[in-house]
Amino acid sequence: MPDPLGYLRRQAIRRGVVGGSRAWLILGGAVWGVRLLRRMASTRQMRKVLSQELRPGESLIISHLSDESQ
C-alpha cells in the first residue's frame, strides 16, 4: 500500500530543501512532525518480555554483559 505521507516527505525534501520552495519546506516540517508524533505514541517498540510476580524475600537482578567480556 502506498504511503501518502512518505510521498509528501520525499517531495518536501526534493522541492523544499533542494529546490528552495518555502511552502514545501513548511509542509515537510509538518509531515515530519506527524511522523515523529506517531513514533512517540507507538507501542510497537515496547513489548513485554517477562512477567513474573516476586514473593517476599525474592529479588530481581538485571545485568548487561559488555562486548569486551566475550
PDB file of N, CA and C in Angstrom:
ATOM      1  N   MET A   1       0.847  -1.183   0.000  1.00  0.00           N
ATOM      2  CA  MET A   1       0.000   0.000   0.000  1.00  0.00           C
ATOM      3  C   MET A   1       0.890   1.244   0.000  1.00  0.00           C
ATOM      4  N   PRO A   2       0.663   2.166  -0.907  1.00  0.00           N
ATOM      5  CA  PRO A   2       1.478   3.375  -0.971  1.00  0.00           C
ATOM      6  C   PRO A   2       1.292   4.239   0.279  1.00  0.00           C
ATOM      7  N   ASP A   3       2.354   4.869   0.679  1.00  0.00           N
ATOM      8  CA  ASP A   3       2.339   5.722   1.872  1.00  0.00           C
ATOM      9  C   ASP A   3       2.250   7.181   1.439  1.00  0.00           C
ATOM     10  N   PRO A   4       1.072   7.823   1.577  1.00  0.00           N
ATOM     11  CA  PRO A   4       0.948   9.212   1.125  1.00  0.00           C
ATOM     12  C   PRO A   4       1.847  10.166   1.907  1.00  0.00           C
ATOM     13  N   LEU A   5       2.035   9.898   3.195  1.00  0.00           N
ATOM     14  CA  LEU A   5       2.916  10.774   3.966  1.00  0.00           C
ATOM     15  C   LEU A   5       4.370  10.591   3.539  1.00  0.00           C
ATOM     16  N   GLY A   6       4.733   9.375   3.149  1.00  0.00           N
ATOM     17  CA  GLY A   6       6.083   9.137   2.636  1.00  0.00           C
ATOM     18  C   GLY A   6       6.329   9.917   1.362  1.00  0.00           C
ATOM     19  N   TYR A   7       5.316   9.950   0.501  1.00  0.00           N
ATOM     20  CA  TYR A   7       5.416  10.724  -0.738  1.00  0.00           C
ATOM     21  C   TYR A   7       5.614  12.209  -0.420  1.00  0.00           C
ATOM     22  N   LEU A   8       4.832  12.718   0.525  1.00  0.00           N
ATOM     23  CA  LEU A   8       4.955  14.124   0.895  1.00  0.00           C
ATOM     24  C   LEU A   8       6.315  14.426   1.515  1.00  0.00           C
ATOM     25  N   ARG A   9       6.850  13.495   2.318  1.00  0.00           N
ATOM     26  CA  ARG A   9       8.182  13.694   2.904  1.00  0.00           C
ATOM     27  C   ARG A   9       9.244  13.779   1.815  1.00  0.00           C
ATOM     28  N   ARG A  10       9.163  12.880   0.836  1.00  0.00           N
ATOM     29  CA  ARG A  10      10.140  12.893  -0.262  1.00  0.00           C
ATOM     30  C   ARG A  10      10.032  14.177  -1.077  1.00  0.00           C
ATOM     31  N   GLN A  11       8.801  14.584  -1.373  1.00  0.00           N
ATOM     32  CA  GLN A  11       8.613  15.809  -2.140  1.00  0.00           C
ATOM     33  C   GLN A  11       9.093  17.032  -1.354  1.00  0.00           C
ATOM     34  N   ALA A  12       8.880  17.022  -0.050  1.00  0.00           N
ATOM     35  CA  ALA A  12       9.319  18.146   0.774  1.00  0.00           C
ATOM     36  C   ALA A  12      10.833  18.270   0.750  1.00  0.00           C
ATOM     37  N   ILE A  13      11.533  17.152   0.798  1.00  0.00           N
ATOM     38  CA  ILE A  13      12.990  17.209   0.718  1.00  0.00           C
ATOM     39  C   ILE A  13      13.415  17.683  -0.665  1.00  0.00           C
ATOM     40  N   ARG A  14      12.807  17.104  -1.695  1.00  0.00           N
ATOM     41  CA  ARG A  14      13.202  17.430  -3.066  1.00  0.00           C
ATOM     42  C   ARG A  14      12.882  18.879  -3.415  1.00  0.00           C
ATOM     43  N   ARG A  15      11.653  19.305  -3.123  1.00  0.00           N
ATOM     44  CA  ARG A  15      11.232  20.643  -3.552  1.00  0.00           C
ATOM     45  C   ARG A  15      11.508  21.721  -2.513  1.00  0.00           C
ATOM     46  N   GLY A  16      11.491  21.348  -1.237  1.00  0.00           N
ATOM     47  CA  GLY A  16      11.683  22.339  -0.183  1.00  0.00           C
ATOM     48  C   GLY A  16      13.135  22.566   0.162  1.00  0.00           C
ATOM     49  N   VAL A  17      13.843  21.502   0.463  1.00  0.00           N
ATOM     50  CA  VAL A  17      15.238  21.635   0.873  1.00  0.00           C
ATOM     51  C   VAL A  17      16.134  21.859  -0.342  1.00  0.00           C
ATOM     52  N   VAL A  18      16.006  20.990  -1.333  1.00  0.00           N
ATOM     53  CA  VAL A  18      16.866  21.081  -2.511  1.00  0.00           C
ATOM     54  C   VAL A  18      16.385  22.186  -3.448  1.00  0.00           C
ATOM     55  N   GLY A  19      15.070  22.255  -3.677  1.00  0.00           N
ATOM     56  CA  GLY A  19      14.519  23.221  -4.632  1.00  0.00           C
ATOM     57  C   GLY A  19      14.341  24.620  -4.091  1.00  0.00           C
ATOM     58  N   GLY A  20      14.336  24.769  -2.788  1.00  0.00           N
ATOM     59  CA  GLY A  20      14.226  26.097  -2.191  1.00  0.00           C
ATOM     60  C   GLY A  20      12.817  26.633  -2.060  1.00  0.00           C
ATOM     61  N   SER A  21      11.806  25.788  -2.159  1.00  0.00           N
ATOM     62  CA  SER A  21      10.420  26.235  -2.030  1.00  0.00           C
ATOM     63  C   SER A  21      10.049  26.328  -0.547  1.00  0.00           C
ATOM     64  N   ARG A  22       9.698  27.510  -0.124  1.00  0.00           N
ATOM     65  CA  ARG A  22       9.356  27.730   1.285  1.00  0.00           C
ATOM     66  C   ARG A  22       8.086  26.968   1.681  1.00  0.00           C
ATOM     67  N   ALA A  23       7.100  26.919   0.784  1.00  0.00           N
ATOM     68  CA  ALA A  23       5.840  26.232   1.080  1.00  0.00           C
ATOM     69  C   ALA A  23       6.086  24.731   1.300  1.00  0.00           C
ATOM     70  N   TRP A  24       6.891  24.112   0.443  1.00  0.00           N
ATOM     71  CA  TRP A  24       7.198  22.691   0.609  1.00  0.00           C
ATOM     72  C   TRP A  24       8.020  22.446   1.864  1.00  0.00           C
ATOM     73  N   LEU A  25       8.866  23.393   2.221  1.00  0.00           N
ATOM     74  CA  LEU A  25       9.662  23.262   3.441  1.00  0.00           C
ATOM     75  C   LEU A  25       8.762  23.256   4.675  1.00  0.00           C
ATOM     76  N   ILE A  26       7.782  24.139   4.696  1.00  0.00           N
ATOM     77  CA  ILE A  26       6.835  24.197   5.821  1.00  0.00           C
ATOM     78  C   ILE A  26       5.978  22.933   5.859  1.00  0.00           C
ATOM     79  N   LEU A  27       5.472  22.515   4.695  1.00  0.00           N
ATOM     80  CA  LEU A  27       4.682  21.287   4.638  1.00  0.00           C
ATOM     81  C   LEU A  27       5.516  20.090   5.086  1.00  0.00           C
ATOM     82  N   GLY A  28       6.774  20.049   4.658  1.00  0.00           N
ATOM     83  CA  GLY A  28       7.668  18.959   5.066  1.00  0.00           C
ATOM     84  C   GLY A  28       7.881  18.927   6.564  1.00  0.00           C
ATOM     85  N   GLY A  29       8.038  20.092   7.177  1.00  0.00           N
ATOM     86  CA  GLY A  29       8.194  20.149   8.632  1.00  0.00           C
ATOM     87  C   GLY A  29       6.973  19.604   9.351  1.00  0.00           C
ATOM     88  N   ALA A  30       5.794  19.927   8.818  1.00  0.00           N
ATOM     89  CA  ALA A  30       4.560  19.423   9.422  1.00  0.00           C
ATOM     90  C   ALA A  30       4.455  17.905   9.269  1.00  0.00           C
ATOM     91  N   VAL A  31       4.789  17.403   8.078  1.00  0.00           N
ATOM     92  CA  VAL A  31       4.695  15.958   7.833  1.00  0.00           C
ATOM     93  C   VAL A  31       5.722  15.199   8.674  1.00  0.00           C
ATOM     94  N   TRP A  32       6.930  15.729   8.792  1.00  0.00           N
ATOM     95  CA  TRP A  32       7.940  15.080   9.632  1.00  0.00           C
ATOM     96  C   TRP A  32       7.526  15.123  11.099  1.00  0.00           C
ATOM     97  N   GLY A  33       6.847  16.205  11.506  1.00  0.00           N
ATOM     98  CA  GLY A  33       6.336  16.289  12.876  1.00  0.00           C
ATOM     99  C   GLY A  33       5.283  15.231  13.155  1.00  0.00           C
ATOM    100  N   VAL A  34       4.395  14.995  12.180  1.00  0.00           N
ATOM    101  CA  VAL A  34       3.382  13.939  12.324  1.00  0.00           C
ATOM    102  C   VAL A  34       4.057  12.584  12.467  1.00  0.00           C
ATOM    103  N   ARG A  35       5.096  12.353  11.675  1.00  0.00           N
ATOM    104  CA  ARG A  35       5.822  11.079  11.749  1.00  0.00           C
ATOM    105  C   ARG A  35       6.461  10.900  13.131  1.00  0.00           C
ATOM    106  N   LEU A  36       7.052  11.964  13.641  1.00  0.00           N
ATOM    107  CA  LEU A  36       7.676  11.899  14.960  1.00  0.00           C
ATOM    108  C   LEU A  36       6.640  11.615  16.046  1.00  0.00           C
ATOM    109  N   LEU A  37       5.493  12.284  15.972  1.00  0.00           N
ATOM    110  CA  LEU A  37       4.442  12.044  16.963  1.00  0.00           C
ATOM    111  C   LEU A  37       3.921  10.616  16.901  1.00  0.00           C
ATOM    112  N   ARG A  38       3.781  10.076  15.682  1.00  0.00           N
ATOM    113  CA  ARG A  38       3.339   8.685  15.545  1.00  0.00           C
ATOM    114  C   ARG A  38       4.326   7.724  16.180  1.00  0.00           C
ATOM    115  N   ARG A  39       5.606   7.972  15.958  1.00  0.00           N
ATOM    116  CA  ARG A  39       6.624   7.089  16.544  1.00  0.00           C
ATOM    117  C   ARG A  39       6.645   7.182  18.053  1.00  0.00           C
ATOM    118  N   MET A  40       6.469   8.392  18.579  1.00  0.00           N
ATOM    119  CA  MET A  40       6.477   8.558  20.032  1.00  0.00           C
ATOM    120  C   MET A  40       5.262   7.892  20.667  1.00  0.00           C
ATOM    121  N   ALA A  41       4.131   7.884  19.978  1.00  0.00           N
ATOM    122  CA  ALA A  41       2.903   7.315  20.524  1.00  0.00           C
ATOM    123  C   ALA A  41       2.802   5.816  20.270  1.00  0.00           C
ATOM    124  N   SER A  42       3.667   5.279  19.456  1.00  0.00           N
ATOM    125  CA  SER A  42       3.590   3.867  19.091  1.00  0.00           C
ATOM    126  C   SER A  42       3.990   2.976  20.261  1.00  0.00           C
ATOM    127  N   THR A  43       3.272   1.874  20.407  1.00  0.00           N
ATOM    128  CA  THR A  43       3.618   0.908  21.450  1.00  0.00           C
ATOM    129  C   THR A  43       4.262  -0.334  20.846  1.00  0.00           C
ATOM    130  N   ARG A  44       4.479  -0.322  19.526  1.00  0.00           N
ATOM    131  CA  ARG A  44       5.069  -1.484  18.878  1.00  0.00           C
ATOM    132  C   ARG A  44       6.487  -1.747  19.366  1.00  0.00           C
ATOM    133  N   GLN A  45       7.228  -0.696  19.685  1.00  0.00           N
ATOM    134  CA  GLN A  45       8.615  -0.865  20.074  1.00  0.00           C
ATOM    135  C   GLN A  45       8.752  -1.471  21.470  1.00  0.00           C
ATOM    136  N   MET A  46       7.777  -1.232  22.305  1.00  0.00           N
ATOM    137  CA  MET A  46       7.848  -1.747  23.664  1.00  0.00           C
ATOM    138  C   MET A  46       6.970  -2.980  23.772  1.00  0.00           C
ATOM    139  N   ARG A  47       7.568  -4.055  24.185  1.00  0.00           N
ATOM    140  CA  ARG A  47       6.786  -5.269  24.371  1.00  0.00           C
ATOM    141  C   ARG A  47       7.227  -5.948  25.660  1.00  0.00           C
ATOM    142  N   LYS A  48       6.323  -6.689  26.225  1.00  0.00           N
ATOM    143  CA  LYS A  48       6.595  -7.366  27.479  1.00  0.00           C
ATOM    144  C   LYS A  48       7.424  -8.616  27.188  1.00  0.00           C
ATOM    145  N   VAL A  49       8.555  -8.740  27.849  1.00  0.00           N
ATOM    146  CA  VAL A  49       9.431  -9.890  27.661  1.00  0.00           C
ATOM    147  C   VAL A  49       9.201 -10.913  28.757  1.00  0.00           C
ATOM    148  N   LEU A  50       9.014 -10.440  29.980  1.00  0.00           N
ATOM    149  CA  LEU A  50       8.839 -11.340  31.105  1.00  0.00           C
ATOM    150  C   LEU A  50       7.891 -10.702  32.113  1.00  0.00           C
ATOM    151  N   SER A  51       7.008 -11.494  32.622  1.00  0.00           N
ATOM    152  CA  SER A  51       6.108 -11.035  33.665  1.00  0.00           C
ATOM    153  C   SER A  51       6.039 -12.124  34.724  1.00  0.00           C
ATOM    154  N   GLN A  52       6.529 -11.792  35.888  1.00  0.00           N
ATOM    155  CA  GLN A  52       6.539 -12.777  36.963  1.00  0.00           C
ATOM    156  C   GLN A  52       6.416 -12.036  38.290  1.00  0.00           C
ATOM    157  N   GLU A  53       5.597 -12.560  39.173  1.00  0.00           N
ATOM    158  CA  GLU A  53       5.396 -11.940  40.467  1.00  0.00           C
ATOM    159  C   GLU A  53       6.503 -12.375  41.420  1.00  0.00           C
ATOM    160  N   LEU A  54       7.059 -11.412  42.154  1.00  0.00           N
ATOM    161  CA  LEU A  54       8.081 -11.716  43.155  1.00  0.00           C
ATOM    162  C   LEU A  54       7.416 -11.894  44.508  1.00  0.00           C
ATOM    163  N   ARG A  55       7.842 -12.911  45.194  1.00  0.00           N
ATOM    164  CA  ARG A  55       7.334 -13.149  46.544  1.00  0.00           C
ATOM    165  C   ARG A  55       8.207 -12.403  47.549  1.00  0.00           C
ATOM    166  N   PRO A  56       7.711 -12.192  48.736  1.00  0.00           N
ATOM    167  CA  PRO A  56       8.525 -11.508  49.750  1.00  0.00           C
ATOM    168  C   PRO A  56       9.859 -12.231  49.951  1.00  0.00           C
ATOM    169  N   GLY A  57      10.934 -11.465  49.947  1.00  0.00           N
ATOM    170  CA  GLY A  57      12.265 -12.029  50.134  1.00  0.00           C
ATOM    171  C   GLY A  57      12.985 -12.308  48.817  1.00  0.00           C
ATOM    172  N   GLU A  58      12.268 -12.349  47.711  1.00  0.00           N
ATOM    173  CA  GLU A  58      12.899 -12.575  46.408  1.00  0.00           C
ATOM    174  C   GLU A  58      13.359 -11.238  45.828  1.00  0.00           C
ATOM    175  N   SER A  59      14.359 -11.324  44.955  1.00  0.00           N
ATOM    176  CA  SER A  59      14.859 -10.104  44.322  1.00  0.00           C
ATOM    177  C   SER A  59      15.064 -10.347  42.832  1.00  0.00           C
ATOM    178  N   LEU A  60      15.234  -9.262  42.123  1.00  0.00           N
ATOM    179  CA  LEU A  60      15.432  -9.318  40.685  1.00  0.00           C
ATOM    180  C   LEU A  60      16.704  -8.558  40.353  1.00  0.00           C
ATOM    181  N   ILE A  61      17.610  -9.196  39.626  1.00  0.00           N
ATOM    182  CA  ILE A  61      18.858  -8.566  39.219  1.00  0.00           C
ATOM    183  C   ILE A  61      18.862  -8.467  37.700  1.00  0.00           C
ATOM    184  N   ILE A  62      19.037  -7.261  37.189  1.00  0.00           N
ATOM    185  CA  ILE A  62      19.124  -7.027  35.748  1.00  0.00           C
ATOM    186  C   ILE A  62      20.554  -6.623  35.448  1.00  0.00           C
ATOM    187  N   SER A  63      21.202  -7.340  34.547  1.00  0.00           N
ATOM    188  CA  SER A  63      22.597  -7.011  34.220  1.00  0.00           C
ATOM    189  C   SER A  63      22.803  -7.070  32.725  1.00  0.00           C
ATOM    190  N   HIS A  64      23.901  -6.490  32.309  1.00  0.00           N
ATOM    191  CA  HIS A  64      24.251  -6.458  30.891  1.00  0.00           C
ATOM    192  C   HIS A  64      25.740  -6.775  30.771  1.00  0.00           C
ATOM    193  N   LEU A  65      26.067  -7.738  29.939  1.00  0.00           N
ATOM    194  CA  LEU A  65      27.463  -8.057  29.714  1.00  0.00           C
ATOM    195  C   LEU A  65      27.972  -7.240  28.545  1.00  0.00           C
ATOM    196  N   SER A  66      29.103  -6.574  28.733  1.00  0.00           N
ATOM    197  CA  SER A  66      29.650  -5.788  27.631  1.00  0.00           C
ATOM    198  C   SER A  66      30.254  -6.711  26.583  1.00  0.00           C
ATOM    199  N   ASP A  67      30.481  -6.188  25.388  1.00  0.00           N
ATOM    200  CA  ASP A  67      31.058  -6.969  24.305  1.00  0.00           C
ATOM    201  C   ASP A  67      32.491  -7.399  24.612  1.00  0.00           C
ATOM    202  N   GLU A  68      33.181  -6.662  25.479  1.00  0.00           N
ATOM    203  CA  GLU A  68      34.563  -6.969  25.826  1.00  0.00           C
ATOM    204  C   GLU A  68      34.697  -8.252  26.639  1.00  0.00           C
ATOM    205  N   SER A  69      33.622  -8.646  27.319  1.00  0.00           N
ATOM    206  CA  SER A  69      33.697  -9.823  28.205  1.00  0.00           C
ATOM    207  C   SER A  69      33.592 -11.131  27.444  1.00  0.00           C
ATOM    208  N   GLN A  70      33.278 -11.095  26.154  1.00  0.00           N
ATOM    209  CA  GLN A  70      33.111 -12.317  25.389  1.00  0.00           C
ATOM    210  C   GLN A  70      34.395 -12.793  24.817  1.00  0.00           C
TER     211      GLN A  70
END
